[in-house]
Amino acid sequence: MNKNIKRYYSISEVSKMLNVSETTLRYWETKLPQLSPKTRSGSKVRQYEDRDIEILRNIYNLVKVRGFRLSAARKYLNENRQGVEKKADILETLISVRDQLKELKAQLDTLV
């Protein structure tokens, strides 16, 4: 087992990963029953697992990228979760390819 893999992430780490505020994450938790990070007993510190982060990435894709309202995103996730996950994966791949192409273009521009 790889010891470098984290099992839990804090709300601040997840906030940075997705580039959304901690307040936004807390709000999404109240509106989306699929999202329920674990909390440490007593301290109520949220602990996000990889599964939670994947759900958040899907929500981000629907709300921030595709412009869905949160209620529509919730319905869409309930009805077509596999489709949403597949589209989110495709979008992440395309964004990564775009970023790599931008880097390559910048390198080529320095050669000319």
PDB file of N, CA and C in Angstrom:
ATOM      1  N   MET A   1       0.835  -1.176   0.000  1.00  0.00           N
ATOM      2  CA  MET A   1       0.000   0.000   0.000  1.00  0.00           C
ATOM      3  C   MET A   1       0.883   1.243   0.000  1.00  0.00           C
ATOM      4  N   ASN A   2       0.510   2.230  -0.795  1.00  0.00           N
ATOM      5  CA  ASN A   2       1.279   3.454  -0.911  1.00  0.00           C
ATOM      6  C   ASN A   2       0.984   4.368   0.276  1.00  0.00           C
ATOM      7  N   LYS A   3       1.996   4.677   1.066  1.00  0.00           N
ATOM      8  CA  LYS A   3       1.801   5.504   2.256  1.00  0.00           C
ATOM      9  C   LYS A   3       1.648   6.984   1.917  1.00  0.00           C
ATOM     10  N   ASN A   4       1.961   7.385   0.681  1.00  0.00           N
ATOM     11  CA  ASN A   4       1.856   8.780   0.285  1.00  0.00           C
ATOM     12  C   ASN A   4       0.423   9.182  -0.067  1.00  0.00           C
ATOM     13  N   ILE A   5      -0.459   8.219  -0.192  1.00  0.00           N
ATOM     14  CA  ILE A   5      -1.841   8.513  -0.539  1.00  0.00           C
ATOM     15  C   ILE A   5      -2.601   8.862   0.732  1.00  0.00           C
ATOM     16  N   LYS A   6      -3.243  10.030   0.706  1.00  0.00           N
ATOM     17  CA  LYS A   6      -4.011  10.455   1.864  1.00  0.00           C
ATOM     18  C   LYS A   6      -5.387   9.813   1.824  1.00  0.00           C
ATOM     19  N   ARG A   7      -5.905   9.503   2.979  1.00  0.00           N
ATOM     20  CA  ARG A   7      -7.246   8.939   3.049  1.00  0.00           C
ATOM     21  C   ARG A   7      -8.292  10.033   3.221  1.00  0.00           C
ATOM     22  N   TYR A   8      -7.926  11.068   3.983  1.00  0.00           N
ATOM     23  CA  TYR A   8      -8.854  12.164   4.254  1.00  0.00           C
ATOM     24  C   TYR A   8      -8.208  13.499   3.912  1.00  0.00           C
ATOM     25  N   TYR A   9      -9.045  14.428   3.462  1.00  0.00           N
ATOM     26  CA  TYR A   9      -8.595  15.773   3.133  1.00  0.00           C
ATOM     27  C   TYR A   9      -9.428  16.778   3.921  1.00  0.00           C
ATOM     28  N   SER A  10      -8.816  17.862   4.341  1.00  0.00           N
ATOM     29  CA  SER A  10      -9.536  18.898   5.070  1.00  0.00           C
ATOM     30  C   SER A  10     -10.340  19.750   4.097  1.00  0.00           C
ATOM     31  N   ILE A  11     -11.262  20.527   4.628  1.00  0.00           N
ATOM     32  CA  ILE A  11     -12.074  21.391   3.776  1.00  0.00           C
ATOM     33  C   ILE A  11     -11.198  22.433   3.080  1.00  0.00           C
ATOM     34  N   SER A  12     -10.150  22.895   3.738  1.00  0.00           N
ATOM     35  CA  SER A  12      -9.273  23.882   3.094  1.00  0.00           C
ATOM     36  C   SER A  12      -8.497  23.262   1.930  1.00  0.00           C
ATOM     37  N   GLU A  13      -8.072  22.006   2.078  1.00  0.00           N
ATOM     38  CA  GLU A  13      -7.376  21.326   0.981  1.00  0.00           C
ATOM     39  C   GLU A  13      -8.308  21.125  -0.208  1.00  0.00           C
ATOM     40  N   VAL A  14      -9.531  20.709   0.066  1.00  0.00           N
ATOM     41  CA  VAL A  14     -10.496  20.475  -1.009  1.00  0.00           C
ATOM     42  C   VAL A  14     -10.873  21.797  -1.667  1.00  0.00           C
ATOM     43  N   SER A  15     -11.007  22.837  -0.870  1.00  0.00           N
ATOM     44  CA  SER A  15     -11.317  24.165  -1.382  1.00  0.00           C
ATOM     45  C   SER A  15     -10.258  24.620  -2.387  1.00  0.00           C
ATOM     46  N   LYS A  16      -8.993  24.388  -2.056  1.00  0.00           N
ATOM     47  CA  LYS A  16      -7.891  24.756  -2.951  1.00  0.00           C
ATOM     48  C   LYS A  16      -7.878  23.883  -4.211  1.00  0.00           C
ATOM     49  N   MET A  17      -8.164  22.592  -4.039  1.00  0.00           N
ATOM     50  CA  MET A  17      -8.193  21.678  -5.190  1.00  0.00           C
ATOM     51  C   MET A  17      -9.192  22.135  -6.240  1.00  0.00           C
ATOM     52  N   LEU A  18     -10.370  22.558  -5.770  1.00  0.00           N
ATOM     53  CA  LEU A  18     -11.464  22.898  -6.677  1.00  0.00           C
ATOM     54  C   LEU A  18     -11.554  24.391  -6.980  1.00  0.00           C
ATOM     55  N   ASN A  19     -10.747  25.177  -6.279  1.00  0.00           N
ATOM     56  CA  ASN A  19     -10.765  26.623  -6.450  1.00  0.00           C
ATOM     57  C   ASN A  19     -12.150  27.217  -6.144  1.00  0.00           C
ATOM     58  N   VAL A  20     -12.736  26.759  -5.058  1.00  0.00           N
ATOM     59  CA  VAL A  20     -13.991  27.320  -4.543  1.00  0.00           C
ATOM     60  C   VAL A  20     -13.798  27.600  -3.059  1.00  0.00           C
ATOM     61  N   SER A  21     -14.629  28.462  -2.519  1.00  0.00           N
ATOM     62  CA  SER A  21     -14.483  28.809  -1.105  1.00  0.00           C
ATOM     63  C   SER A  21     -14.982  27.681  -0.201  1.00  0.00           C
ATOM     64  N   GLU A  22     -14.511  27.688   1.021  1.00  0.00           N
ATOM     65  CA  GLU A  22     -14.982  26.717   2.009  1.00  0.00           C
ATOM     66  C   GLU A  22     -16.468  26.912   2.265  1.00  0.00           C
ATOM     67  N   THR A  23     -16.917  28.152   2.225  1.00  0.00           N
ATOM     68  CA  THR A  23     -18.336  28.453   2.409  1.00  0.00           C
ATOM     69  C   THR A  23     -19.178  27.794   1.318  1.00  0.00           C
ATOM     70  N   THR A  24     -18.683  27.841   0.092  1.00  0.00           N
ATOM     71  CA  THR A  24     -19.389  27.194  -1.019  1.00  0.00           C
ATOM     72  C   THR A  24     -19.493  25.701  -0.779  1.00  0.00           C
ATOM     73  N   LEU A  25     -18.423  25.075  -0.328  1.00  0.00           N
ATOM     74  CA  LEU A  25     -18.448  23.633  -0.055  1.00  0.00           C
ATOM     75  C   LEU A  25     -19.466  23.308   1.035  1.00  0.00           C
ATOM     76  N   ARG A  26     -19.483  24.107   2.084  1.00  0.00           N
ATOM     77  CA  ARG A  26     -20.450  23.872   3.165  1.00  0.00           C
ATOM     78  C   ARG A  26     -21.883  24.019   2.657  1.00  0.00           C
ATOM     79  N   TYR A  27     -22.093  25.015   1.813  1.00  0.00           N
ATOM     80  CA  TYR A  27     -23.432  25.238   1.254  1.00  0.00           C
ATOM     81  C   TYR A  27     -23.849  24.052   0.387  1.00  0.00           C
ATOM     82  N   TRP A  28     -22.946  23.591  -0.468  1.00  0.00           N
ATOM     83  CA  TRP A  28     -23.261  22.437  -1.315  1.00  0.00           C
ATOM     84  C   TRP A  28     -23.627  21.226  -0.473  1.00  0.00           C
ATOM     85  N   GLU A  29     -22.949  21.050   0.654  1.00  0.00           N
ATOM     86  CA  GLU A  29     -23.261  19.923   1.543  1.00  0.00           C
ATOM     87  C   GLU A  29     -24.705  19.989   2.035  1.00  0.00           C
ATOM     88  N   THR A  30     -25.194  21.194   2.304  1.00  0.00           N
ATOM     89  CA  THR A  30     -26.567  21.328   2.810  1.00  0.00           C
ATOM     90  C   THR A  30     -27.598  21.050   1.732  1.00  0.00           C
ATOM     91  N   LYS A  31     -27.245  21.263   0.485  1.00  0.00           N
ATOM     92  CA  LYS A  31     -28.204  21.127  -0.615  1.00  0.00           C
ATOM     93  C   LYS A  31     -28.108  19.804  -1.359  1.00  0.00           C
ATOM     94  N   LEU A  32     -27.033  19.070  -1.167  1.00  0.00           N
ATOM     95  CA  LEU A  32     -26.826  17.836  -1.925  1.00  0.00           C
ATOM     96  C   LEU A  32     -26.621  16.663  -0.973  1.00  0.00           C
ATOM     97  N   PRO A  33     -27.622  15.800  -0.855  1.00  0.00           N
ATOM     98  CA  PRO A  33     -27.514  14.681   0.081  1.00  0.00           C
ATOM     99  C   PRO A  33     -26.426  13.670  -0.288  1.00  0.00           C
ATOM    100  N   GLN A  34     -26.001  13.656  -1.543  1.00  0.00           N
ATOM    101  CA  GLN A  34     -24.941  12.732  -1.959  1.00  0.00           C
ATOM    102  C   GLN A  34     -23.611  13.076  -1.293  1.00  0.00           C
ATOM    103  N   LEU A  35     -23.487  14.302  -0.876  1.00  0.00           N
ATOM    104  CA  LEU A  35     -22.238  14.794  -0.323  1.00  0.00           C
ATOM    105  C   LEU A  35     -22.317  14.810   1.196  1.00  0.00           C
ATOM    106  N   SER A  36     -21.545  13.947   1.813  1.00  0.00           N
ATOM    107  CA  SER A  36     -21.570  13.895   3.280  1.00  0.00           C
ATOM    108  C   SER A  36     -20.194  13.499   3.810  1.00  0.00           C
ATOM    109  N   PRO A  37     -19.289  14.479   3.904  1.00  0.00           N
ATOM    110  CA  PRO A  37     -17.969  14.152   4.437  1.00  0.00           C
ATOM    111  C   PRO A  37     -18.071  13.720   5.894  1.00  0.00           C
ATOM    112  N   LYS A  38     -17.152  12.897   6.293  1.00  0.00           N
ATOM    113  CA  LYS A  38     -17.117  12.439   7.680  1.00  0.00           C
ATOM    114  C   LYS A  38     -16.642  13.597   8.566  1.00  0.00           C
ATOM    115  N   THR A  39     -17.035  13.549   9.810  1.00  0.00           N
ATOM    116  CA  THR A  39     -16.549  14.545  10.760  1.00  0.00           C
ATOM    117  C   THR A  39     -15.933  13.830  11.945  1.00  0.00           C
ATOM    118  N   ARG A  40     -14.888  14.432  12.475  1.00  0.00           N
ATOM    119  CA  ARG A  40     -14.270  13.884  13.674  1.00  0.00           C
ATOM    120  C   ARG A  40     -15.201  14.130  14.842  1.00  0.00           C
ATOM    121  N   SER A  41     -15.350  13.135  15.666  1.00  0.00           N
ATOM    122  CA  SER A  41     -16.244  13.295  16.812  1.00  0.00           C
ATOM    123  C   SER A  41     -15.746  14.410  17.720  1.00  0.00           C
ATOM    124  N   GLY A  42     -16.667  15.233  18.146  1.00  0.00           N
ATOM    125  CA  GLY A  42     -16.323  16.324  19.050  1.00  0.00           C
ATOM    126  C   GLY A  42     -15.923  17.598  18.337  1.00  0.00           C
ATOM    127  N   SER A  43     -14.988  17.524  17.407  1.00  0.00           N
ATOM    128  CA  SER A  43     -14.469  18.741  16.787  1.00  0.00           C
ATOM    129  C   SER A  43     -15.270  19.188  15.565  1.00  0.00           C
ATOM    130  N   LYS A  44     -16.033  18.283  14.973  1.00  0.00           N
ATOM    131  CA  LYS A  44     -16.831  18.560  13.769  1.00  0.00           C
ATOM    132  C   LYS A  44     -15.977  19.034  12.591  1.00  0.00           C
ATOM    133  N   VAL A  45     -14.727  18.598  12.544  1.00  0.00           N
ATOM    134  CA  VAL A  45     -13.844  18.916  11.428  1.00  0.00           C
ATOM    135  C   VAL A  45     -14.191  17.982  10.271  1.00  0.00           C
ATOM    136  N   ARG A  46     -14.473  18.568   9.129  1.00  0.00           N
ATOM    137  CA  ARG A  46     -14.839  17.767   7.958  1.00  0.00           C
ATOM    138  C   ARG A  46     -13.629  17.012   7.435  1.00  0.00           C
ATOM    139  N   GLN A  47     -13.870  15.761   7.044  1.00  0.00           N
ATOM    140  CA  GLN A  47     -12.835  14.931   6.451  1.00  0.00           C
ATOM    141  C   GLN A  47     -13.384  14.364   5.147  1.00  0.00           C
ATOM    142  N   TYR A  48     -12.875  14.873   4.049  1.00  0.00           N
ATOM    143  CA  TYR A  48     -13.330  14.450   2.730  1.00  0.00           C
ATOM    144  C   TYR A  48     -12.501  13.268   2.250  1.00  0.00           C
ATOM    145  N   GLU A  49     -13.192  12.274   1.707  1.00  0.00           N
ATOM    146  CA  GLU A  49     -12.527  11.130   1.095  1.00  0.00           C
ATOM    147  C   GLU A  49     -12.503  11.339  -0.415  1.00  0.00           C
ATOM    148  N   ASP A  50     -11.780  10.481  -1.122  1.00  0.00           N
ATOM    149  CA  ASP A  50     -11.711  10.582  -2.576  1.00  0.00           C
ATOM    150  C   ASP A  50     -13.103  10.555  -3.210  1.00  0.00           C
ATOM    151  N   ARG A  51     -13.991   9.744  -2.660  1.00  0.00           N
ATOM    152  CA  ARG A  51     -15.362   9.642  -3.177  1.00  0.00           C
ATOM    153  C   ARG A  51     -16.066  10.998  -3.085  1.00  0.00           C
ATOM    154  N   ASP A  52     -15.896  11.681  -1.965  1.00  0.00           N
ATOM    155  CA  ASP A  52     -16.500  13.004  -1.779  1.00  0.00           C
ATOM    156  C   ASP A  52     -15.925  14.006  -2.781  1.00  0.00           C
ATOM    157  N   ILE A  53     -14.630  13.929  -3.003  1.00  0.00           N
ATOM    158  CA  ILE A  53     -13.982  14.866  -3.928  1.00  0.00           C
ATOM    159  C   ILE A  53     -14.472  14.633  -5.349  1.00  0.00           C
ATOM    160  N   GLU A  54     -14.682  13.382  -5.734  1.00  0.00           N
ATOM    161  CA  GLU A  54     -15.225  13.097  -7.064  1.00  0.00           C
ATOM    162  C   GLU A  54     -16.628  13.687  -7.223  1.00  0.00           C
ATOM    163  N   ILE A  55     -17.456  13.538  -6.198  1.00  0.00           N
ATOM    164  CA  ILE A  55     -18.801  14.123  -6.236  1.00  0.00           C
ATOM    165  C   ILE A  55     -18.682  15.641  -6.360  1.00  0.00           C
ATOM    166  N   LEU A  56     -17.783  16.242  -5.610  1.00  0.00           N
ATOM    167  CA  LEU A  56     -17.586  17.693  -5.678  1.00  0.00           C
ATOM    168  C   LEU A  56     -17.097  18.132  -7.049  1.00  0.00           C
ATOM    169  N   ARG A  57     -16.227  17.351  -7.655  1.00  0.00           N
ATOM    170  CA  ARG A  57     -15.762  17.688  -9.013  1.00  0.00           C
ATOM    171  C   ARG A  57     -16.938  17.663  -9.993  1.00  0.00           C
ATOM    172  N   ASN A  58     -17.812  16.685  -9.833  1.00  0.00           N
ATOM    173  CA  ASN A  58     -18.990  16.606 -10.693  1.00  0.00           C
ATOM    174  C   ASN A  58     -19.919  17.799 -10.465  1.00  0.00           C
ATOM    175  N   ILE A  59     -20.112  18.153  -9.209  1.00  0.00           N
ATOM    176  CA  ILE A  59     -20.955  19.309  -8.883  1.00  0.00           C
ATOM    177  C   ILE A  59     -20.332  20.580  -9.466  1.00  0.00           C
ATOM    178  N   TYR A  60     -19.039  20.723  -9.289  1.00  0.00           N
ATOM    179  CA  TYR A  60     -18.337  21.890  -9.826  1.00  0.00           C
ATOM    180  C   TYR A  60     -18.541  21.973 -11.343  1.00  0.00           C
ATOM    181  N   ASN A  61     -18.362  20.851 -12.003  1.00  0.00           N
ATOM    182  CA  ASN A  61     -18.527  20.805 -13.457  1.00  0.00           C
ATOM    183  C   ASN A  61     -19.932  21.247 -13.858  1.00  0.00           C
ATOM    184  N   LEU A  62     -20.932  20.732 -13.161  1.00  0.00           N
ATOM    185  CA  LEU A  62     -22.310  21.072 -13.507  1.00  0.00           C
ATOM    186  C   LEU A  62     -22.643  22.535 -13.191  1.00  0.00           C
ATOM    187  N   VAL A  63     -22.235  22.998 -12.031  1.00  0.00           N
ATOM    188  CA  VAL A  63     -22.644  24.333 -11.571  1.00  0.00           C
ATOM    189  C   VAL A  63     -21.741  25.434 -12.129  1.00  0.00           C
ATOM    190  N   LYS A  64     -20.445  25.288 -11.973  1.00  0.00           N
ATOM    191  CA  LYS A  64     -19.519  26.361 -12.347  1.00  0.00           C
ATOM    192  C   LYS A  64     -19.158  26.357 -13.831  1.00  0.00           C
ATOM    193  N   VAL A  65     -19.026  25.173 -14.425  1.00  0.00           N
ATOM    194  CA  VAL A  65     -18.603  25.095 -15.821  1.00  0.00           C
ATOM    195  C   VAL A  65     -19.801  25.122 -16.763  1.00  0.00           C
ATOM    196  N   ARG A  66     -20.807  24.306 -16.464  1.00  0.00           N
ATOM    197  CA  ARG A  66     -21.941  24.174 -17.379  1.00  0.00           C
ATOM    198  C   ARG A  66     -23.105  25.096 -17.040  1.00  0.00           C
ATOM    199  N   GLY A  67     -23.049  25.776 -15.897  1.00  0.00           N
ATOM    200  CA  GLY A  67     -24.048  26.783 -15.577  1.00  0.00           C
ATOM    201  C   GLY A  67     -25.367  26.270 -15.009  1.00  0.00           C
ATOM    202  N   PHE A  68     -25.388  25.047 -14.496  1.00  0.00           N
ATOM    203  CA  PHE A  68     -26.603  24.507 -13.895  1.00  0.00           C
ATOM    204  C   PHE A  68     -26.875  25.218 -12.575  1.00  0.00           C
ATOM    205  N   ARG A  69     -28.136  25.340 -12.215  1.00  0.00           N
ATOM    206  CA  ARG A  69     -28.485  25.739 -10.858  1.00  0.00           C
ATOM    207  C   ARG A  69     -28.238  24.526  -9.968  1.00  0.00           C
ATOM    208  N   LEU A  70     -28.059  24.772  -8.692  1.00  0.00           N
ATOM    209  CA  LEU A  70     -27.739  23.680  -7.776  1.00  0.00           C
ATOM    210  C   LEU A  70     -28.860  22.641  -7.726  1.00  0.00           C
ATOM    211  N   SER A  71     -30.104  23.078  -7.758  1.00  0.00           N
ATOM    212  CA  SER A  71     -31.223  22.130  -7.734  1.00  0.00           C
ATOM    213  C   SER A  71     -31.230  21.260  -8.990  1.00  0.00           C
ATOM    214  N   ALA A  72     -30.910  21.852 -10.128  1.00  0.00           N
ATOM    215  CA  ALA A  72     -30.836  21.081 -11.374  1.00  0.00           C
ATOM    216  C   ALA A  72     -29.658  20.118 -11.342  1.00  0.00           C
ATOM    217  N   ALA A  73     -28.553  20.551 -10.765  1.00  0.00           N
ATOM    218  CA  ALA A  73     -27.377  19.677 -10.643  1.00  0.00           C
ATOM    219  C   ALA A  73     -27.702  18.474  -9.773  1.00  0.00           C
ATOM    220  N   ARG A  74     -28.414  18.712  -8.664  1.00  0.00           N
ATOM    221  CA  ARG A  74     -28.800  17.625  -7.765  1.00  0.00           C
ATOM    222  C   ARG A  74     -29.663  16.607  -8.515  1.00  0.00           C
ATOM    223  N   LYS A  75     -30.641  17.101  -9.256  1.00  0.00           N
ATOM    224  CA  LYS A  75     -31.535  16.219 -10.016  1.00  0.00           C
ATOM    225  C   LYS A  75     -30.745  15.455 -11.082  1.00  0.00           C
ATOM    226  N   TYR A  76     -29.877  16.157 -11.776  1.00  0.00           N
ATOM    227  CA  TYR A  76     -29.082  15.543 -12.833  1.00  0.00           C
ATOM    228  C   TYR A  76     -28.177  14.454 -12.264  1.00  0.00           C
ATOM    229  N   LEU A  77     -27.571  14.734 -11.111  1.00  0.00           N
ATOM    230  CA  LEU A  77     -26.717  13.735 -10.469  1.00  0.00           C
ATOM    231  C   LEU A  77     -27.515  12.505 -10.051  1.00  0.00           C
ATOM    232  N   ASN A  78     -28.713  12.719  -9.535  1.00  0.00           N
ATOM    233  CA  ASN A  78     -29.559  11.601  -9.103  1.00  0.00           C
ATOM    234  C   ASN A  78     -29.987  10.740 -10.278  1.00  0.00           C
ATOM    235  N   GLU A  79     -30.291  11.364 -11.404  1.00  0.00           N
ATOM    236  CA  GLU A  79     -30.824  10.630 -12.546  1.00  0.00           C
ATOM    237  C   GLU A  79     -29.756  10.026 -13.441  1.00  0.00           C
ATOM    238  N   ASN A  80     -28.590  10.656 -13.504  1.00  0.00           N
ATOM    239  CA  ASN A  80     -27.606  10.236 -14.491  1.00  0.00           C
ATOM    240  C   ASN A  80     -26.191  10.360 -13.949  1.00  0.00           C
ATOM    241  N   ARG A  81     -25.922   9.759 -12.833  1.00  0.00           N
ATOM    242  CA  ARG A  81     -24.618   9.927 -12.182  1.00  0.00           C
ATOM    243  C   ARG A  81     -23.462   9.413 -13.040  1.00  0.00           C
ATOM    244  N   GLN A  82     -23.640   8.260 -13.673  1.00  0.00           N
ATOM    245  CA  GLN A  82     -22.552   7.711 -14.486  1.00  0.00           C
ATOM    246  C   GLN A  82     -22.245   8.617 -15.674  1.00  0.00           C
ATOM    247  N   GLY A  83     -23.285   9.170 -16.280  1.00  0.00           N
ATOM    248  CA  GLY A  83     -23.080  10.087 -17.398  1.00  0.00           C
ATOM    249  C   GLY A  83     -22.366  11.351 -16.964  1.00  0.00           C
ATOM    250  N   VAL A  84     -22.730  11.864 -15.808  1.00  0.00           N
ATOM    251  CA  VAL A  84     -22.094  13.071 -15.272  1.00  0.00           C
ATOM    252  C   VAL A  84     -20.624  12.802 -15.003  1.00  0.00           C
ATOM    253  N   GLU A  85     -20.323  11.663 -14.388  1.00  0.00           N
ATOM    254  CA  GLU A  85     -18.932  11.319 -14.076  1.00  0.00           C
ATOM    255  C   GLU A  85     -18.111  11.172 -15.350  1.00  0.00           C
ATOM    256  N   LYS A  86     -18.694  10.540 -16.354  1.00  0.00           N
ATOM    257  CA  LYS A  86     -17.976  10.344 -17.617  1.00  0.00           C
ATOM    258  C   LYS A  86     -17.689  11.684 -18.285  1.00  0.00           C
ATOM    259  N   LYS A  87     -18.687  12.570 -18.300  1.00  0.00           N
ATOM    260  CA  LYS A  87     -18.482  13.884 -18.908  1.00  0.00           C
ATOM    261  C   LYS A  87     -17.460  14.698 -18.132  1.00  0.00           C
ATOM    262  N   ALA A  88     -17.480  14.592 -16.824  1.00  0.00           N
ATOM    263  CA  ALA A  88     -16.505  15.317 -16.002  1.00  0.00           C
ATOM    264  C   ALA A  88     -15.091  14.804 -16.283  1.00  0.00           C
ATOM    265  N   ASP A  89     -14.938  13.492 -16.429  1.00  0.00           N
ATOM    266  CA  ASP A  89     -13.630  12.916 -16.747  1.00  0.00           C
ATOM    267  C   ASP A  89     -13.144  13.413 -18.111  1.00  0.00           C
ATOM    268  N   ILE A  90     -14.044  13.438 -19.083  1.00  0.00           N
ATOM    269  CA  ILE A  90     -13.694  13.912 -20.423  1.00  0.00           C
ATOM    270  C   ILE A  90     -13.277  15.379 -20.361  1.00  0.00           C
ATOM    271  N   LEU A  91     -14.036  16.174 -19.618  1.00  0.00           N
ATOM    272  CA  LEU A  91     -13.723  17.594 -19.494  1.00  0.00           C
ATOM    273  C   LEU A  91     -12.361  17.798 -18.846  1.00  0.00           C
ATOM    274  N   GLU A  92     -12.057  17.055 -17.794  1.00  0.00           N
ATOM    275  CA  GLU A  92     -10.748  17.167 -17.142  1.00  0.00           C
ATOM    276  C   GLU A  92      -9.624  16.822 -18.115  1.00  0.00           C
ATOM    277  N   THR A  93      -9.824  15.778 -18.917  1.00  0.00           N
ATOM    278  CA  THR A  93      -8.823  15.380 -19.901  1.00  0.00           C
ATOM    279  C   THR A  93      -8.620  16.475 -20.937  1.00  0.00           C
ATOM    280  N   LEU A  94      -9.714  17.048 -21.420  1.00  0.00           N
ATOM    281  CA  LEU A  94      -9.614  18.115 -22.413  1.00  0.00           C
ATOM    282  C   LEU A  94      -8.912  19.349 -21.858  1.00  0.00           C
ATOM    283  N   ILE A  95      -9.212  19.697 -20.625  1.00  0.00           N
ATOM    284  CA  ILE A  95      -8.561  20.849 -19.997  1.00  0.00           C
ATOM    285  C   ILE A  95      -7.068  20.581 -19.851  1.00  0.00           C
ATOM    286  N   SER A  96      -6.717  19.365 -19.471  1.00  0.00           N
ATOM    287  CA  SER A  96      -5.310  18.997 -19.330  1.00  0.00           C
ATOM    288  C   SER A  96      -4.593  19.084 -20.680  1.00  0.00           C
ATOM    289  N   VAL A  97      -5.230  18.572 -21.725  1.00  0.00           N
ATOM    290  CA  VAL A  97      -4.642  18.620 -23.069  1.00  0.00           C
ATOM    291  C   VAL A  97      -4.482  20.071 -23.513  1.00  0.00           C
ATOM    292  N   ARG A  98      -5.507  20.895 -23.239  1.00  0.00           N
ATOM    293  CA  ARG A  98      -5.434  22.311 -23.597  1.00  0.00           C
ATOM    294  C   ARG A  98      -4.247  22.976 -22.903  1.00  0.00           C
ATOM    295  N   ASP A  99      -4.084  22.708 -21.612  1.00  0.00           N
ATOM    296  CA  ASP A  99      -2.983  23.305 -20.869  1.00  0.00           C
ATOM    297  C   ASP A  99      -1.628  22.858 -21.412  1.00  0.00           C
ATOM    298  N   GLN A 100      -1.533  21.588 -21.784  1.00  0.00           N
ATOM    299  CA  GLN A 100      -0.290  21.084 -22.360  1.00  0.00           C
ATOM    300  C   GLN A 100      -0.007  21.744 -23.705  1.00  0.00           C
ATOM    301  N   LEU A 101      -1.058  21.943 -24.497  1.00  0.00           N
ATOM    302  CA  LEU A 101      -0.886  22.612 -25.791  1.00  0.00           C
ATOM    303  C   LEU A 101      -0.470  24.068 -25.609  1.00  0.00           C
ATOM    304  N   LYS A 102      -1.000  24.738 -24.608  1.00  0.00           N
ATOM    305  CA  LYS A 102      -0.597  26.119 -24.325  1.00  0.00           C
ATOM    306  C   LYS A 102       0.884  26.175 -23.956  1.00  0.00           C
ATOM    307  N   GLU A 103       1.319  25.226 -23.132  1.00  0.00           N
ATOM    308  CA  GLU A 103       2.732  25.170 -22.759  1.00  0.00           C
ATOM    309  C   GLU A 103       3.612  24.939 -23.980  1.00  0.00           C
ATOM    310  N   LEU A 104       3.194  24.016 -24.825  1.00  0.00           N
ATOM    311  CA  LEU A 104       3.948  23.705 -26.039  1.00  0.00           C
ATOM    312  C   LEU A 104       4.020  24.922 -26.953  1.00  0.00           C
ATOM    313  N   LYS A 105       2.907  25.626 -27.114  1.00  0.00           N
ATOM    314  CA  LYS A 105       2.885  26.839 -27.930  1.00  0.00           C
ATOM    315  C   LYS A 105       3.828  27.889 -27.371  1.00  0.00           C
ATOM    316  N   ALA A 106       3.824  28.056 -26.056  1.00  0.00           N
ATOM    317  CA  ALA A 106       4.718  29.032 -25.429  1.00  0.00           C
ATOM    318  C   ALA A 106       6.181  28.663 -25.677  1.00  0.00           C
ATOM    319  N   GLN A 107       6.482  27.382 -25.609  1.00  0.00           N
ATOM    320  CA  GLN A 107       7.849  26.937 -25.872  1.00  0.00           C
ATOM    321  C   GLN A 107       8.218  27.188 -27.333  1.00  0.00           C
ATOM    322  N   LEU A 108       7.291  26.917 -28.243  1.00  0.00           N
ATOM    323  CA  LEU A 108       7.551  27.142 -29.667  1.00  0.00           C
ATOM    324  C   LEU A 108       7.717  28.634 -29.965  1.00  0.00           C
ATOM    325  N   ASP A 109       6.927  29.464 -29.294  1.00  0.00           N
ATOM    326  CA  ASP A 109       7.026  30.906 -29.505  1.00  0.00           C
ATOM    327  C   ASP A 109       8.404  31.443 -29.102  1.00  0.00           C
ATOM    328  N   THR A 110       9.016  30.824 -28.092  1.00  0.00           N
ATOM    329  CA  THR A 110      10.338  31.284 -27.666  1.00  0.00           C
ATOM    330  C   THR A 110      11.414  30.883 -28.680  1.00  0.00           C
ATOM    331  N   LEU A 111      11.155  29.866 -29.474  1.00  0.00           N
ATOM    332  CA  LEU A 111      12.119  29.417 -30.475  1.00  0.00           C
ATOM    333  C   LEU A 111      12.103  30.293 -31.716  1.00  0.00           C
ATOM    334  N   VAL A 112      10.995  30.924 -31.979  1.00  0.00           N
ATOM    335  CA  VAL A 112      10.841  31.708 -33.219  1.00  0.00           C
ATOM    336  C   VAL A 112      11.386  33.083 -33.088  1.00  0.00           C
TER     337      VAL A 112
END
